[in-house]
Amino acid sequence: MTDQELIALKERVAALDRLFTAQLSAQDEKVQLALSSAEKAITKAEIATEKRFEGVNEFRSALSDQASTFATRAVVDTQLEALRDRVGDLSGQVSRLLIALLLTVVGALISTIVYIVTR
């Protein structure tokens, strides 16, 4: 190989090296831009997710507050049993009052019949 061919080859290698370096630099810029965009997208997604979780937590808190105002099953069962007992007592009283009223009406009828017959 002659000196001129060697110089031409070195120039060609240097030109290819510059071209490769420029292409690598351009690709590096594109990769950096893509990474930056990805980081921004991740940040936005994290913010959106955080807002969604805040909404979910608010809803969960509202449900918890609402649930704390509900009567427990034990309380309802106790009150229902007390009402059943009271209804049973009142039913007994009504039955006794009806019997007393019936006896009073029968007594009044008998008194009226006796009065009419003895007159």
N, C-alpha and C. Protein backbone atom coordinates (compact mmCIF):
# COMPACT_ATOMS: atom_id res chain seq x y z
N MET A 1 0.85 -1.16 0.00
CA MET A 1 0.00 0.00 0.00
C MET A 1 0.90 1.23 0.00
N THR A 2 0.52 2.19 -0.80
CA THR A 2 1.33 3.39 -0.94
C THR A 2 0.95 4.38 0.14
N ASP A 3 1.82 5.38 0.27
CA ASP A 3 1.55 6.41 1.26
C ASP A 3 0.27 7.16 0.95
N GLN A 4 0.01 7.40 -0.31
CA GLN A 4 -1.20 8.13 -0.70
C GLN A 4 -2.45 7.29 -0.37
N GLU A 5 -2.38 6.02 -0.62
CA GLU A 5 -3.52 5.14 -0.30
C GLU A 5 -3.74 5.08 1.20
N LEU A 6 -2.62 5.05 1.95
CA LEU A 6 -2.70 5.02 3.41
C LEU A 6 -3.31 6.31 3.93
N ILE A 7 -2.92 7.45 3.37
CA ILE A 7 -3.47 8.76 3.78
C ILE A 7 -4.95 8.81 3.43
N ALA A 8 -5.31 8.35 2.25
CA ALA A 8 -6.72 8.35 1.83
C ALA A 8 -7.54 7.45 2.74
N LEU A 9 -6.97 6.30 3.12
CA LEU A 9 -7.66 5.39 4.01
C LEU A 9 -7.85 6.00 5.39
N LYS A 10 -6.81 6.68 5.90
CA LYS A 10 -6.91 7.34 7.20
C LYS A 10 -7.95 8.45 7.15
N GLU A 11 -7.98 9.21 6.04
CA GLU A 11 -8.98 10.28 5.90
C GLU A 11 -10.38 9.67 5.85
N ARG A 12 -10.51 8.55 5.16
CA ARG A 12 -11.83 7.90 5.06
C ARG A 12 -12.26 7.39 6.43
N VAL A 13 -11.33 6.79 7.20
CA VAL A 13 -11.63 6.32 8.55
C VAL A 13 -12.00 7.50 9.43
N ALA A 14 -11.26 8.61 9.32
CA ALA A 14 -11.55 9.81 10.12
C ALA A 14 -12.92 10.35 9.77
N ALA A 15 -13.27 10.36 8.47
CA ALA A 15 -14.58 10.85 8.03
C ALA A 15 -15.68 9.94 8.57
N LEU A 16 -15.46 8.65 8.49
CA LEU A 16 -16.44 7.70 9.02
C LEU A 16 -16.58 7.85 10.54
N ASP A 17 -15.44 8.10 11.21
CA ASP A 17 -15.47 8.30 12.66
C ASP A 17 -16.27 9.54 13.01
N ARG A 18 -16.09 10.63 12.25
CA ARG A 18 -16.86 11.86 12.50
C ARG A 18 -18.35 11.61 12.24
N LEU A 19 -18.64 10.89 11.16
CA LEU A 19 -20.03 10.57 10.83
C LEU A 19 -20.66 9.71 11.93
N PHE A 20 -19.93 8.69 12.39
CA PHE A 20 -20.42 7.82 13.44
C PHE A 20 -20.63 8.62 14.73
N THR A 21 -19.68 9.50 15.06
CA THR A 21 -19.79 10.33 16.26
C THR A 21 -21.00 11.25 16.17
N ALA A 22 -21.23 11.85 15.00
CA ALA A 22 -22.39 12.74 14.81
C ALA A 22 -23.69 11.95 14.95
N GLN A 23 -23.73 10.77 14.34
CA GLN A 23 -24.94 9.94 14.43
C GLN A 23 -25.17 9.49 15.88
N LEU A 24 -24.09 9.12 16.54
CA LEU A 24 -24.21 8.70 17.93
C LEU A 24 -24.69 9.85 18.80
N SER A 25 -24.17 11.04 18.54
CA SER A 25 -24.59 12.23 19.29
C SER A 25 -26.07 12.53 19.04
N ALA A 26 -26.50 12.42 17.78
CA ALA A 26 -27.91 12.67 17.45
C ALA A 26 -28.81 11.63 18.13
N GLN A 27 -28.37 10.37 18.12
CA GLN A 27 -29.17 9.33 18.78
C GLN A 27 -29.20 9.55 20.29
N ASP A 28 -28.07 10.00 20.85
CA ASP A 28 -28.02 10.28 22.28
C ASP A 28 -28.98 11.41 22.63
N GLU A 29 -29.06 12.44 21.81
CA GLU A 29 -30.00 13.55 22.03
C GLU A 29 -31.44 13.04 21.98
N LYS A 30 -31.72 12.16 21.00
CA LYS A 30 -33.07 11.60 20.88
C LYS A 30 -33.41 10.74 22.09
N VAL A 31 -32.45 9.96 22.55
CA VAL A 31 -32.68 9.11 23.72
C VAL A 31 -32.92 9.98 24.95
N GLN A 32 -32.11 11.03 25.09
CA GLN A 32 -32.28 11.94 26.23
C GLN A 32 -33.65 12.63 26.18
N LEU A 33 -34.06 13.03 24.97
CA LEU A 33 -35.38 13.65 24.80
C LEU A 33 -36.49 12.66 25.14
N ALA A 34 -36.34 11.41 24.70
CA ALA A 34 -37.32 10.37 25.00
C ALA A 34 -37.38 10.10 26.50
N LEU A 35 -36.22 10.03 27.15
CA LEU A 35 -36.18 9.82 28.60
C LEU A 35 -36.84 10.97 29.34
N SER A 36 -36.55 12.19 28.89
CA SER A 36 -37.16 13.36 29.52
C SER A 36 -38.68 13.32 29.36
N SER A 37 -39.14 12.97 28.17
CA SER A 37 -40.59 12.88 27.93
C SER A 37 -41.20 11.77 28.78
N ALA A 38 -40.49 10.67 28.89
CA ALA A 38 -40.99 9.56 29.71
C ALA A 38 -41.07 9.96 31.18
N GLU A 39 -40.06 10.68 31.65
CA GLU A 39 -40.08 11.14 33.05
C GLU A 39 -41.24 12.09 33.29
N LYS A 40 -41.50 12.98 32.33
CA LYS A 40 -42.64 13.90 32.46
C LYS A 40 -43.95 13.13 32.47
N ALA A 41 -44.06 12.13 31.60
CA ALA A 41 -45.28 11.32 31.54
C ALA A 41 -45.47 10.55 32.85
N ILE A 42 -44.38 10.02 33.39
CA ILE A 42 -44.47 9.29 34.65
C ILE A 42 -44.91 10.23 35.77
N THR A 43 -44.33 11.42 35.80
CA THR A 43 -44.71 12.39 36.82
C THR A 43 -46.19 12.74 36.71
N LYS A 44 -46.67 12.98 35.49
CA LYS A 44 -48.09 13.28 35.29
C LYS A 44 -48.96 12.10 35.73
N ALA A 45 -48.54 10.90 35.38
CA ALA A 45 -49.31 9.71 35.76
C ALA A 45 -49.34 9.54 37.28
N GLU A 46 -48.19 9.80 37.93
CA GLU A 46 -48.15 9.70 39.39
C GLU A 46 -49.07 10.73 40.03
N ILE A 47 -49.08 11.96 39.48
CA ILE A 47 -49.96 13.01 40.02
C ILE A 47 -51.42 12.61 39.82
N ALA A 48 -51.75 12.11 38.64
CA ALA A 48 -53.12 11.68 38.36
C ALA A 48 -53.53 10.53 39.28
N THR A 49 -52.62 9.60 39.49
CA THR A 49 -52.91 8.47 40.37
C THR A 49 -53.10 8.95 41.80
N GLU A 50 -52.26 9.88 42.23
CA GLU A 50 -52.38 10.42 43.59
C GLU A 50 -53.73 11.14 43.77
N LYS A 51 -54.13 11.90 42.76
CA LYS A 51 -55.44 12.58 42.83
C LYS A 51 -56.56 11.57 42.88
N ARG A 52 -56.44 10.51 42.09
CA ARG A 52 -57.48 9.47 42.09
C ARG A 52 -57.55 8.80 43.46
N PHE A 53 -56.39 8.50 44.04
CA PHE A 53 -56.38 7.89 45.37
C PHE A 53 -56.93 8.84 46.42
N GLU A 54 -56.67 10.14 46.27
CA GLU A 54 -57.25 11.11 47.20
C GLU A 54 -58.77 11.05 47.12
N GLY A 55 -59.29 10.97 45.89
CA GLY A 55 -60.74 10.87 45.71
C GLY A 55 -61.29 9.59 46.31
N VAL A 56 -60.57 8.49 46.10
CA VAL A 56 -60.99 7.20 46.66
C VAL A 56 -60.95 7.27 48.19
N ASN A 57 -59.90 7.87 48.73
CA ASN A 57 -59.79 7.99 50.19
C ASN A 57 -60.90 8.87 50.76
N GLU A 58 -61.24 9.94 50.05
CA GLU A 58 -62.35 10.79 50.51
C GLU A 58 -63.64 10.00 50.51
N PHE A 59 -63.87 9.23 49.43
CA PHE A 59 -65.09 8.42 49.35
C PHE A 59 -65.10 7.38 50.47
N ARG A 60 -63.96 6.74 50.69
CA ARG A 60 -63.86 5.74 51.75
C ARG A 60 -64.12 6.37 53.11
N SER A 61 -63.60 7.56 53.32
CA SER A 61 -63.82 8.28 54.58
C SER A 61 -65.29 8.63 54.75
N ALA A 62 -65.93 9.07 53.66
CA ALA A 62 -67.36 9.40 53.73
C ALA A 62 -68.16 8.15 54.07
N LEU A 63 -67.83 7.02 53.46
CA LEU A 63 -68.53 5.77 53.79
C LEU A 63 -68.30 5.37 55.24
N SER A 64 -67.09 5.57 55.71
CA SER A 64 -66.77 5.23 57.09
C SER A 64 -67.57 6.12 58.05
N ASP A 65 -67.62 7.43 57.73
CA ASP A 65 -68.40 8.35 58.56
C ASP A 65 -69.87 7.95 58.55
N GLN A 66 -70.38 7.60 57.38
CA GLN A 66 -71.78 7.21 57.26
C GLN A 66 -72.03 5.92 58.04
N ALA A 67 -71.13 4.98 57.91
CA ALA A 67 -71.30 3.70 58.59
C ALA A 67 -71.27 3.88 60.10
N SER A 68 -70.52 4.86 60.58
CA SER A 68 -70.45 5.06 62.03
C SER A 68 -71.77 5.58 62.59
N THR A 69 -72.64 6.13 61.73
CA THR A 69 -73.94 6.61 62.21
C THR A 69 -75.00 5.51 62.17
N PHE A 70 -74.69 4.39 61.54
CA PHE A 70 -75.65 3.29 61.47
C PHE A 70 -75.69 2.56 62.81
N ALA A 71 -76.87 2.04 63.13
CA ALA A 71 -77.00 1.23 64.34
C ALA A 71 -76.37 -0.13 64.10
N THR A 72 -75.78 -0.67 65.14
CA THR A 72 -75.19 -2.00 65.00
C THR A 72 -76.29 -3.05 65.06
N ARG A 73 -75.99 -4.22 64.60
CA ARG A 73 -76.98 -5.30 64.60
C ARG A 73 -77.41 -5.63 66.03
N ALA A 74 -76.46 -5.61 66.95
CA ALA A 74 -76.79 -5.92 68.35
C ALA A 74 -77.78 -4.91 68.91
N VAL A 75 -77.56 -3.63 68.62
CA VAL A 75 -78.47 -2.59 69.12
C VAL A 75 -79.85 -2.76 68.51
N VAL A 76 -79.90 -3.00 67.21
CA VAL A 76 -81.19 -3.16 66.53
C VAL A 76 -81.91 -4.40 67.07
N ASP A 77 -81.17 -5.50 67.23
CA ASP A 77 -81.79 -6.71 67.76
C ASP A 77 -82.34 -6.48 69.16
N THR A 78 -81.60 -5.77 70.00
CA THR A 78 -82.05 -5.48 71.36
C THR A 78 -83.31 -4.62 71.33
N GLN A 79 -83.30 -3.58 70.52
CA GLN A 79 -84.47 -2.70 70.43
C GLN A 79 -85.67 -3.44 69.85
N LEU A 80 -85.43 -4.29 68.86
CA LEU A 80 -86.52 -5.05 68.25
C LEU A 80 -87.12 -6.01 69.26
N GLU A 81 -86.30 -6.64 70.04
CA GLU A 81 -86.79 -7.55 71.08
C GLU A 81 -87.61 -6.79 72.12
N ALA A 82 -87.13 -5.59 72.50
CA ALA A 82 -87.88 -4.76 73.45
C ALA A 82 -89.23 -4.36 72.87
N LEU A 83 -89.27 -4.03 71.58
CA LEU A 83 -90.54 -3.67 70.94
C LEU A 83 -91.48 -4.88 70.89
N ARG A 84 -90.93 -6.04 70.59
CA ARG A 84 -91.77 -7.25 70.58
C ARG A 84 -92.38 -7.50 71.95
N ASP A 85 -91.56 -7.35 72.99
CA ASP A 85 -92.06 -7.53 74.35
C ASP A 85 -93.16 -6.52 74.65
N ARG A 86 -92.94 -5.27 74.25
CA ARG A 86 -93.93 -4.20 74.52
C ARG A 86 -95.23 -4.48 73.76
N VAL A 87 -95.09 -4.93 72.48
CA VAL A 87 -96.29 -5.27 71.70
C VAL A 87 -97.03 -6.42 72.37
N GLY A 88 -96.31 -7.42 72.87
CA GLY A 88 -96.94 -8.53 73.58
C GLY A 88 -97.68 -8.05 74.81
N ASP A 89 -97.04 -7.14 75.57
CA ASP A 89 -97.69 -6.59 76.77
C ASP A 89 -98.95 -5.82 76.39
N LEU A 90 -98.84 -4.98 75.35
CA LEU A 90 -100.00 -4.19 74.93
C LEU A 90 -101.11 -5.08 74.39
N SER A 91 -100.73 -6.14 73.69
CA SER A 91 -101.72 -7.08 73.18
C SER A 91 -102.47 -7.73 74.34
N GLY A 92 -101.75 -8.08 75.39
CA GLY A 92 -102.39 -8.65 76.58
C GLY A 92 -103.34 -7.66 77.23
N GLN A 93 -102.89 -6.39 77.32
CA GLN A 93 -103.74 -5.36 77.92
C GLN A 93 -105.00 -5.14 77.09
N VAL A 94 -104.84 -5.10 75.77
CA VAL A 94 -106.00 -4.90 74.88
C VAL A 94 -106.96 -6.07 75.05
N SER A 95 -106.45 -7.29 75.13
CA SER A 95 -107.31 -8.46 75.32
C SER A 95 -108.08 -8.34 76.62
N ARG A 96 -107.40 -7.96 77.70
CA ARG A 96 -108.07 -7.80 78.99
C ARG A 96 -109.12 -6.69 78.94
N LEU A 97 -108.79 -5.58 78.26
CA LEU A 97 -109.75 -4.48 78.14
C LEU A 97 -110.97 -4.90 77.31
N LEU A 98 -110.77 -5.66 76.25
CA LEU A 98 -111.89 -6.14 75.43
C LEU A 98 -112.78 -7.07 76.24
N ILE A 99 -112.16 -7.93 77.04
CA ILE A 99 -112.95 -8.84 77.89
C ILE A 99 -113.74 -8.03 78.90
N ALA A 100 -113.08 -7.02 79.50
CA ALA A 100 -113.78 -6.19 80.48
C ALA A 100 -114.93 -5.44 79.81
N LEU A 101 -114.70 -4.92 78.58
CA LEU A 101 -115.75 -4.20 77.86
C LEU A 101 -116.90 -5.14 77.53
N LEU A 102 -116.56 -6.34 77.09
CA LEU A 102 -117.59 -7.33 76.76
C LEU A 102 -118.41 -7.68 78.00
N LEU A 103 -117.74 -7.88 79.12
CA LEU A 103 -118.45 -8.19 80.35
C LEU A 103 -119.34 -7.03 80.78
N THR A 104 -118.84 -5.81 80.59
CA THR A 104 -119.63 -4.63 80.93
C THR A 104 -120.87 -4.55 80.06
N VAL A 105 -120.68 -4.77 78.74
CA VAL A 105 -121.82 -4.72 77.82
C VAL A 105 -122.81 -5.83 78.15
N VAL A 106 -122.31 -7.03 78.40
CA VAL A 106 -123.19 -8.15 78.76
C VAL A 106 -123.92 -7.83 80.07
N GLY A 107 -123.21 -7.30 81.02
CA GLY A 107 -123.84 -6.93 82.31
C GLY A 107 -124.91 -5.88 82.10
N ALA A 108 -124.62 -4.88 81.25
CA ALA A 108 -125.61 -3.83 80.98
C ALA A 108 -126.83 -4.42 80.29
N LEU A 109 -126.61 -5.35 79.35
CA LEU A 109 -127.73 -5.98 78.66
C LEU A 109 -128.58 -6.80 79.63
N ILE A 110 -127.90 -7.53 80.49
CA ILE A 110 -128.63 -8.32 81.49
C ILE A 110 -129.42 -7.40 82.42
N SER A 111 -128.81 -6.32 82.84
CA SER A 111 -129.50 -5.36 83.71
C SER A 111 -130.70 -4.78 83.01
N THR A 112 -130.54 -4.46 81.72
CA THR A 112 -131.64 -3.89 80.95
C THR A 112 -132.75 -4.90 80.79
N ILE A 113 -132.38 -6.14 80.51
CA ILE A 113 -133.41 -7.19 80.36
C ILE A 113 -134.13 -7.42 81.68
N VAL A 114 -133.41 -7.47 82.78
CA VAL A 114 -134.02 -7.65 84.10
C VAL A 114 -134.93 -6.49 84.40
N TYR A 115 -134.52 -5.30 84.08
CA TYR A 115 -135.33 -4.10 84.34
C TYR A 115 -136.64 -4.17 83.53
N ILE A 116 -136.49 -4.57 82.25
CA ILE A 116 -137.68 -4.61 81.39
C ILE A 116 -138.60 -5.73 81.88
N VAL A 117 -138.08 -6.85 82.25
CA VAL A 117 -138.90 -7.99 82.65
C VAL A 117 -139.59 -7.70 84.01
N THR A 118 -138.92 -7.08 84.90
CA THR A 118 -139.47 -6.82 86.23
C THR A 118 -140.36 -5.59 86.27
N ARG A 119 -140.53 -4.96 85.36
CA ARG A 119 -141.28 -3.72 85.34
C ARG A 119 -142.72 -3.90 85.24
